[in-house]
PDB file of N, CA and C in Angstrom:
ATOM      1  N   MET A   1     115.811 116.565  83.717  1.00  0.00           N
ATOM      2  CA  MET A   1     116.697 117.071  84.692  1.00  0.00           C
ATOM      3  C   MET A   1     117.432 115.970  85.444  1.00  0.00           C
ATOM      4  N   ARG A   2     116.666 114.971  85.868  1.00  0.00           N
ATOM      5  CA  ARG A   2     117.203 113.835  86.591  1.00  0.00           C
ATOM      6  C   ARG A   2     118.230 113.089  85.768  1.00  0.00           C
ATOM      7  N   ARG A   3     117.886 112.870  84.510  1.00  0.00           N
ATOM      8  CA  ARG A   3     118.885 112.147  83.643  1.00  0.00           C
ATOM      9  C   ARG A   3     120.103 112.921  83.394  1.00  0.00           C
ATOM     10  N   ALA A   4     119.829 114.314  83.200  1.00  0.00           N
ATOM     11  CA  ALA A   4     121.041 115.162  82.924  1.00  0.00           C
ATOM     12  C   ALA A   4     122.052 115.161  84.069  1.00  0.00           C
ATOM     13  N   ALA A   5     121.523 115.002  85.245  1.00  0.00           N
ATOM     14  CA  ALA A   5     122.380 114.954  86.442  1.00  0.00           C
ATOM     15  C   ALA A   5     122.947 113.605  86.738  1.00  0.00           C
ATOM     16  N   GLY A   6     122.519 112.607  85.968  1.00  0.00           N
ATOM     17  CA  GLY A   6     123.068 111.274  86.146  1.00  0.00           C
ATOM     18  C   GLY A   6     122.489 110.513  87.314  1.00  0.00           C
ATOM     19  N   LEU A   7     121.223 110.930  87.683  1.00  0.00           N
ATOM     20  CA  LEU A   7     120.601 110.284  88.895  1.00  0.00           C
ATOM     21  C   LEU A   7     119.497 109.340  88.446  1.00  0.00           C
ATOM     22  N   ASP A   8     119.198 108.398  89.337  1.00  0.00           N
ATOM     23  CA  ASP A   8     118.134 107.470  89.147  1.00  0.00           C
ATOM     24  C   ASP A   8     116.788 107.983  89.692  1.00  0.00           C
ATOM     25  N   ARG A   9     116.884 108.858  90.723  1.00  0.00           N
ATOM     26  CA  ARG A   9     115.696 109.403  91.331  1.00  0.00           C
ATOM     27  C   ARG A   9     115.993 110.819  91.790  1.00  0.00           C
ATOM     28  N   LEU A  10     115.061 111.691  91.604  1.00  0.00           N
ATOM     29  CA  LEU A  10     115.144 113.083  92.088  1.00  0.00           C
ATOM     30  C   LEU A  10     113.724 113.470  92.558  1.00  0.00           C
ATOM     31  N   ARG A  11     113.623 113.887  93.840  1.00  0.00           N
ATOM     32  CA  ARG A  11     112.299 114.184  94.358  1.00  0.00           C
ATOM     33  C   ARG A  11     112.347 115.286  95.373  1.00  0.00           C
ATOM     34  N   ILE A  12     111.203 115.933  95.577  1.00  0.00           N
ATOM     35  CA  ILE A  12     111.027 116.993  96.517  1.00  0.00           C
ATOM     36  C   ILE A  12     110.247 116.454  97.737  1.00  0.00           C
ATOM     37  N   LEU A  13     110.769 116.610  98.960  1.00  0.00           N
ATOM     38  CA  LEU A  13     110.193 116.137 100.160  1.00  0.00           C
ATOM     39  C   LEU A  13     109.562 117.320 100.952  1.00  0.00           C
ATOM     40  N   PRO A  14     108.335 117.040 101.536  1.00  0.00           N
ATOM     41  CA  PRO A  14     107.743 118.115 102.282  1.00  0.00           C
ATOM     42  C   PRO A  14     108.507 118.368 103.570  1.00  0.00           C
ATOM     43  N   ALA A  15     108.289 119.565 104.095  1.00  0.00           N
ATOM     44  CA  ALA A  15     108.942 119.925 105.441  1.00  0.00           C
ATOM     45  C   ALA A  15     108.447 118.921 106.512  1.00  0.00           C
ATOM     46  N   ASP A  16     109.360 118.709 107.418  1.00  0.00           N
ATOM     47  CA  ASP A  16     108.979 117.806 108.639  1.00  0.00           C
ATOM     48  C   ASP A  16     109.382 118.575 109.943  1.00  0.00           C
ATOM     49  N   PRO A  17     108.348 119.223 110.430  1.00  0.00           N
ATOM     50  CA  PRO A  17     108.642 120.001 111.667  1.00  0.00           C
ATOM     51  C   PRO A  17     109.031 119.216 112.843  1.00  0.00           C
ATOM     52  N   THR A  18     108.678 117.916 112.892  1.00  0.00           N
ATOM     53  CA  THR A  18     109.060 117.045 114.041  1.00  0.00           C
ATOM     54  C   THR A  18     110.570 116.885 114.136  1.00  0.00           C
ATOM     55  N   ILE A  19     111.232 117.032 112.995  1.00  0.00           N
ATOM     56  CA  ILE A  19     112.776 116.908 113.110  1.00  0.00           C
ATOM     57  C   ILE A  19     113.424 118.207 112.707  1.00  0.00           C
ATOM     58  N   GLY A  20     112.679 119.223 112.459  1.00  0.00           N
ATOM     59  CA  GLY A  20     113.221 120.524 112.136  1.00  0.00           C
ATOM     60  C   GLY A  20     113.752 120.722 110.737  1.00  0.00           C
ATOM     61  N   ALA A  21     113.193 119.832 109.847  1.00  0.00           N
ATOM     62  CA  ALA A  21     113.699 119.954 108.442  1.00  0.00           C
ATOM     63  C   ALA A  21     112.716 120.711 107.618  1.00  0.00           C
ATOM     64  N   GLY A  22     113.278 121.585 106.765  1.00  0.00           N
ATOM     65  CA  GLY A  22     112.356 122.267 105.806  1.00  0.00           C
ATOM     66  C   GLY A  22     112.153 121.417 104.561  1.00  0.00           C
ATOM     67  N   THR A  23     111.451 122.004 103.680  1.00  0.00           N
ATOM     68  CA  THR A  23     111.221 121.355 102.358  1.00  0.00           C
ATOM     69  C   THR A  23     112.610 120.936 101.783  1.00  0.00           C
ATOM     70  N   ALA A  24     112.811 119.719 101.433  1.00  0.00           N
ATOM     71  CA  ALA A  24     114.076 119.148 101.047  1.00  0.00           C
ATOM     72  C   ALA A  24     114.096 118.527  99.596  1.00  0.00           C
ATOM     73  N   VAL A  25     115.261 118.444  99.051  1.00  0.00           N
ATOM     74  CA  VAL A  25     115.460 117.753  97.809  1.00  0.00           C
ATOM     75  C   VAL A  25     116.299 116.392  98.081  1.00  0.00           C
ATOM     76  N   ALA A  26     115.779 115.392  97.498  1.00  0.00           N
ATOM     77  CA  ALA A  26     116.398 114.082  97.622  1.00  0.00           C
ATOM     78  C   ALA A  26     116.918 113.608  96.300  1.00  0.00           C
ATOM     79  N   ALA A  27     118.145 113.186  96.226  1.00  0.00           N
ATOM     80  CA  ALA A  27     118.738 112.720  94.983  1.00  0.00           C
ATOM     81  C   ALA A  27     119.337 111.364  95.192  1.00  0.00           C
ATOM     82  N   GLY A  28     119.027 110.349  94.376  1.00  0.00           N
ATOM     83  CA  GLY A  28     119.496 109.009  94.594  1.00  0.00           C
ATOM     84  C   GLY A  28     120.052 108.362  93.318  1.00  0.00           C
ATOM     85  N   LYS A  29     120.913 107.384  93.636  1.00  0.00           N
ATOM     86  CA  LYS A  29     121.515 106.622  92.454  1.00  0.00           C
ATOM     87  C   LYS A  29     121.753 105.192  92.907  1.00  0.00           C
ATOM     88  N   TYR A  30     121.548 104.287  92.001  1.00  0.00           N
ATOM     89  CA  TYR A  30     121.879 102.881  92.193  1.00  0.00           C
ATOM     90  C   TYR A  30     123.422 102.795  91.972  1.00  0.00           C
ATOM     91  N   ILE A  31     124.183 102.268  92.936  1.00  0.00           N
ATOM     92  CA  ILE A  31     125.638 102.147  92.843  1.00  0.00           C
ATOM     93  C   ILE A  31     126.033 100.700  92.547  1.00  0.00           C
ATOM     94  N   GLY A  32     125.003  99.907  92.355  1.00  0.00           N
ATOM     95  CA  GLY A  32     125.237  98.454  91.942  1.00  0.00           C
ATOM     96  C   GLY A  32     123.851  97.924  91.681  1.00  0.00           C
ATOM     97  N   ARG A  33     123.788  96.697  91.324  1.00  0.00           N
ATOM     98  CA  ARG A  33     122.473  96.125  90.932  1.00  0.00           C
ATOM     99  C   ARG A  33     121.473  96.115  92.094  1.00  0.00           C
ATOM    100  N   ARG A  34     121.991  96.018  93.306  1.00  0.00           N
ATOM    101  CA  ARG A  34     121.142  95.903  94.460  1.00  0.00           C
ATOM    102  C   ARG A  34     121.272  96.966  95.540  1.00  0.00           C
ATOM    103  N   THR A  35     122.117  97.945  95.333  1.00  0.00           N
ATOM    104  CA  THR A  35     122.390  98.955  96.348  1.00  0.00           C
ATOM    105  C   THR A  35     121.981 100.350  95.778  1.00  0.00           C
ATOM    106  N   TYR A  36     121.094 101.036  96.559  1.00  0.00           N
ATOM    107  CA  TYR A  36     120.619 102.387  96.241  1.00  0.00           C
ATOM    108  C   TYR A  36     121.080 103.385  97.333  1.00  0.00           C
ATOM    109  N   VAL A  37     121.655 104.469  96.973  1.00  0.00           N
ATOM    110  CA  VAL A  37     122.085 105.513  97.957  1.00  0.00           C
ATOM    111  C   VAL A  37     121.335 106.810  97.614  1.00  0.00           C
ATOM    112  N   GLU A  38     120.825 107.411  98.714  1.00  0.00           N
ATOM    113  CA  GLU A  38     120.065 108.688  98.513  1.00  0.00           C
ATOM    114  C   GLU A  38     120.582 109.723  99.480  1.00  0.00           C
ATOM    115  N   VAL A  39     120.802 110.990  99.011  1.00  0.00           N
ATOM    116  CA  VAL A  39     121.245 112.090  99.822  1.00  0.00           C
ATOM    117  C   VAL A  39     120.019 113.100  99.884  1.00  0.00           C
ATOM    118  N   ILE A  40     119.773 113.620 101.092  1.00  0.00           N
ATOM    119  CA  ILE A  40     118.670 114.527 101.286  1.00  0.00           C
ATOM    120  C   ILE A  40     119.179 115.806 101.957  1.00  0.00           C
ATOM    121  N   SER A  41     118.716 116.924 101.454  1.00  0.00           N
ATOM    122  CA  SER A  41     119.200 118.230 102.042  1.00  0.00           C
ATOM    123  C   SER A  41     118.064 119.248 101.861  1.00  0.00           C
ATOM    124  N   ASP A  42     117.885 120.051 102.968  1.00  0.00           N
ATOM    125  CA  ASP A  42     116.883 121.147 102.861  1.00  0.00           C
ATOM    126  C   ASP A  42     117.506 122.462 102.641  1.00  0.00           C
ATOM    127  N   GLY A  43     118.914 122.554 102.535  1.00  0.00           N
ATOM    128  CA  GLY A  43     119.621 123.814 102.285  1.00  0.00           C
ATOM    129  C   GLY A  43     119.643 124.680 103.435  1.00  0.00           C
ATOM    130  N   GLN A  44     119.139 124.243 104.605  1.00  0.00           N
ATOM    131  CA  GLN A  44     119.177 125.060 105.845  1.00  0.00           C
ATOM    132  C   GLN A  44     119.931 124.361 106.967  1.00  0.00           C
ATOM    133  N   GLY A  45     120.709 123.365 106.670  1.00  0.00           N
ATOM    134  CA  GLY A  45     121.438 122.697 107.707  1.00  0.00           C
ATOM    135  C   GLY A  45     121.095 121.258 107.882  1.00  0.00           C
ATOM    136  N   TYR A  46     119.883 120.838 107.461  1.00  0.00           N
ATOM    137  CA  TYR A  46     119.513 119.435 107.661  1.00  0.00           C
ATOM    138  C   TYR A  46     119.927 118.608 106.439  1.00  0.00           C
ATOM    139  N   SER A  47     120.573 117.470 106.705  1.00  0.00           N
ATOM    140  CA  SER A  47     120.876 116.587 105.608  1.00  0.00           C
ATOM    141  C   SER A  47     120.878 115.133 106.151  1.00  0.00           C
ATOM    142  N   ALA A  48     120.637 114.231 105.251  1.00  0.00           N
ATOM    143  CA  ALA A  48     120.591 112.831 105.651  1.00  0.00           C
ATOM    144  C   ALA A  48     121.088 111.970 104.456  1.00  0.00           C
ATOM    145  N   THR A  49     121.502 110.798 104.806  1.00  0.00           N
ATOM    146  CA  THR A  49     121.903 109.807 103.780  1.00  0.00           C
ATOM    147  C   THR A  49     121.150 108.524 104.019  1.00  0.00           C
ATOM    148  N   ARG A  50     120.620 107.939 103.088  1.00  0.00           N
ATOM    149  CA  ARG A  50     119.871 106.731 103.173  1.00  0.00           C
ATOM    150  C   ARG A  50     120.514 105.613 102.246  1.00  0.00           C
ATOM    151  N   VAL A  51     120.611 104.424 102.635  1.00  0.00           N
ATOM    152  CA  VAL A  51     121.138 103.302 101.919  1.00  0.00           C
ATOM    153  C   VAL A  51     120.111 102.147 101.910  1.00  0.00           C
ATOM    154  N   GLU A  52     119.789 101.608 100.736  1.00  0.00           N
ATOM    155  CA  GLU A  52     118.980 100.423 100.681  1.00  0.00           C
ATOM    156  C   GLU A  52     119.693  99.337  99.991  1.00  0.00           C
ATOM    157  N   PHE A  53     119.737  98.216 100.591  1.00  0.00           N
ATOM    158  CA  PHE A  53     120.367  97.042  99.992  1.00  0.00           C
ATOM    159  C   PHE A  53     119.360  95.968  99.808  1.00  0.00           C
ATOM    160  N   GLN A  54     119.082  95.554  98.540  1.00  0.00           N
ATOM    161  CA  GLN A  54     118.114  94.622  98.233  1.00  0.00           C
ATOM    162  C   GLN A  54     118.641  93.198  98.348  1.00  0.00           C
ATOM    163  N   ILE A  55     118.104  92.436  99.306  1.00  0.00           N
ATOM    164  CA  ILE A  55     118.518  91.029  99.501  1.00  0.00           C
ATOM    165  C   ILE A  55     117.893  90.095  98.466  1.00  0.00           C
ATOM    166  N   THR A  56     116.592  90.226  98.376  1.00  0.00           N
ATOM    167  CA  THR A  56     115.815  89.437  97.448  1.00  0.00           C
ATOM    168  C   THR A  56     114.851  90.494  96.711  1.00  0.00           C
ATOM    169  N   ARG A  57     114.043  89.938  95.823  1.00  0.00           N
ATOM    170  CA  ARG A  57     112.996  90.811  95.132  1.00  0.00           C
ATOM    171  C   ARG A  57     112.121  91.420  96.102  1.00  0.00           C
ATOM    172  N   TRP A  58     111.915  90.834  97.222  1.00  0.00           N
ATOM    173  CA  TRP A  58     110.820  91.269  98.180  1.00  0.00           C
ATOM    174  C   TRP A  58     111.435  91.648  99.529  1.00  0.00           C
ATOM    175  N   LEU A  59     112.776  91.561  99.854  1.00  0.00           N
ATOM    176  CA  LEU A  59     113.262  91.875 101.100  1.00  0.00           C
ATOM    177  C   LEU A  59     114.505  92.877 100.952  1.00  0.00           C
ATOM    178  N   SER A  60     114.471  93.910 101.718  1.00  0.00           N
ATOM    179  CA  SER A  60     115.603  94.880 101.617  1.00  0.00           C
ATOM    180  C   SER A  60     115.934  95.348 103.047  1.00  0.00           C
ATOM    181  N   LEU A  61     117.154  95.753 103.134  1.00  0.00           N
ATOM    182  CA  LEU A  61     117.708  96.368 104.445  1.00  0.00           C
ATOM    183  C   LEU A  61     117.838  97.813 104.189  1.00  0.00           C
ATOM    184  N   LEU A  62     117.390  98.659 105.086  1.00  0.00           N
ATOM    185  CA  LEU A  62     117.467 100.124 104.923  1.00  0.00           C
ATOM    186  C   LEU A  62     118.275 100.659 106.079  1.00  0.00           C
ATOM    187  N   SER A  63     119.098 101.670 105.806  1.00  0.00           N
ATOM    188  CA  SER A  63     119.745 102.397 106.908  1.00  0.00           C
ATOM    189  C   SER A  63     119.784 103.909 106.621  1.00  0.00           C
ATOM    190  N   SER A  64     119.854 104.705 107.670  1.00  0.00           N
ATOM    191  CA  SER A  64     119.698 106.136 107.457  1.00  0.00           C
ATOM    192  C   SER A  64     120.458 106.792 108.575  1.00  0.00           C
ATOM    193  N   ILE A  65     121.127 107.932 108.269  1.00  0.00           N
ATOM    194  CA  ILE A  65     121.851 108.779 109.281  1.00  0.00           C
ATOM    195  C   ILE A  65     121.653 110.173 108.885  1.00  0.00           C
ATOM    196  N   SER A  66     121.388 111.052 109.841  1.00  0.00           N
ATOM    197  CA  SER A  66     121.160 112.493 109.549  1.00  0.00           C
ATOM    198  C   SER A  66     122.051 113.363 110.405  1.00  0.00           C
ATOM    199  N   THR A  67     122.010 114.701 110.032  1.00  0.00           N
ATOM    200  CA  THR A  67     122.781 115.706 110.734  1.00  0.00           C
ATOM    201  C   THR A  67     122.280 115.935 112.177  1.00  0.00           C
ATOM    202  N   ILE A  68     121.022 115.578 112.433  1.00  0.00           N
ATOM    203  CA  ILE A  68     120.517 115.859 113.790  1.00  0.00           C
ATOM    204  C   ILE A  68     120.755 114.616 114.688  1.00  0.00           C
ATOM    205  N   GLY A  69     121.601 113.701 114.297  1.00  0.00           N
ATOM    206  CA  GLY A  69     121.937 112.550 115.091  1.00  0.00           C
ATOM    207  C   GLY A  69     121.087 111.440 114.973  1.00  0.00           C
ATOM    208  N   ARG A  70     120.053 111.464 114.234  1.00  0.00           N
ATOM    209  CA  ARG A  70     119.227 110.230 114.104  1.00  0.00           C
ATOM    210  C   ARG A  70     119.824 109.230 113.194  1.00  0.00           C
ATOM    211  N   GLN A  71     119.843 107.961 113.723  1.00  0.00           N
ATOM    212  CA  GLN A  71     120.337 106.773 112.992  1.00  0.00           C
ATOM    213  C   GLN A  71     119.189 105.763 112.962  1.00  0.00           C
ATOM    214  N   SER A  72     119.092 105.010 111.946  1.00  0.00           N
ATOM    215  CA  SER A  72     118.111 103.922 111.975  1.00  0.00           C
ATOM    216  C   SER A  72     118.464 102.833 111.062  1.00  0.00           C
ATOM    217  N   ALA A  73     117.961 101.719 111.312  1.00  0.00           N
ATOM    218  CA  ALA A  73     118.159 100.503 110.442  1.00  0.00           C
ATOM    219  C   ALA A  73     116.799  99.782 110.441  1.00  0.00           C
ATOM    220  N   SER A  74     116.367  99.365 109.280  1.00  0.00           N
ATOM    221  CA  SER A  74     115.086  98.735 109.236  1.00  0.00           C
ATOM    222  C   SER A  74     115.064  97.670 108.126  1.00  0.00           C
ATOM    223  N   VAL A  75     114.010  96.856 108.131  1.00  0.00           N
ATOM    224  CA  VAL A  75     113.879  95.836 107.010  1.00  0.00           C
ATOM    225  C   VAL A  75     112.577  96.170 106.286  1.00  0.00           C
ATOM    226  N   LYS A  76     112.615  96.131 105.047  1.00  0.00           N
ATOM    227  CA  LYS A  76     111.479  96.374 104.149  1.00  0.00           C
ATOM    228  C   LYS A  76     110.999  95.147 103.518  1.00  0.00           C
ATOM    229  N   VAL A  77     109.748  94.785 103.716  1.00  0.00           N
ATOM    230  CA  VAL A  77     109.194  93.641 102.939  1.00  0.00           C
ATOM    231  C   VAL A  77     108.123  94.181 102.019  1.00  0.00           C
ATOM    232  N   SER A  78     108.194  93.759 100.745  1.00  0.00           N
ATOM    233  CA  SER A  78     107.159  94.169  99.805  1.00  0.00           C
ATOM    234  C   SER A  78     106.723  92.969  98.948  1.00  0.00           C
ATOM    235  N   LYS A  79     105.435  92.941  98.645  1.00  0.00           N
ATOM    236  CA  LYS A  79     104.875  91.843  97.848  1.00  0.00           C
ATOM    237  C   LYS A  79     103.940  92.404  96.863  1.00  0.00           C
ATOM    238  N   ASP A  80     104.100  92.018  95.588  1.00  0.00           N
ATOM    239  CA  ASP A  80     103.154  92.441  94.514  1.00  0.00           C
ATOM    240  C   ASP A  80     102.120  91.455  94.322  1.00  0.00           C
ATOM    241  N   TYR A  81     100.854  91.825  94.308  1.00  0.00           N
ATOM    242  CA  TYR A  81      99.744  90.870  94.091  1.00  0.00           C
ATOM    243  C   TYR A  81      99.107  91.090  92.795  1.00  0.00           C
TER     244      TYR A  81
END
């Protein structure tokens, strides 16, 4: 289903009562070698967009904005051992 829709990732997210979001569907696609965009919607009015830009293999910048007015920016560090 994911490939048929032309997506790189398709997932189901559990409800989050702290922000008033129901069970949601998240669909994402790489729009470049290092940029990933994901759209999330619960079908009941909540939606969000997340963008991840990979600076190096272990360092990424993340940003998010949602319909409830939440905005965030963060740094993700990952290391494989």
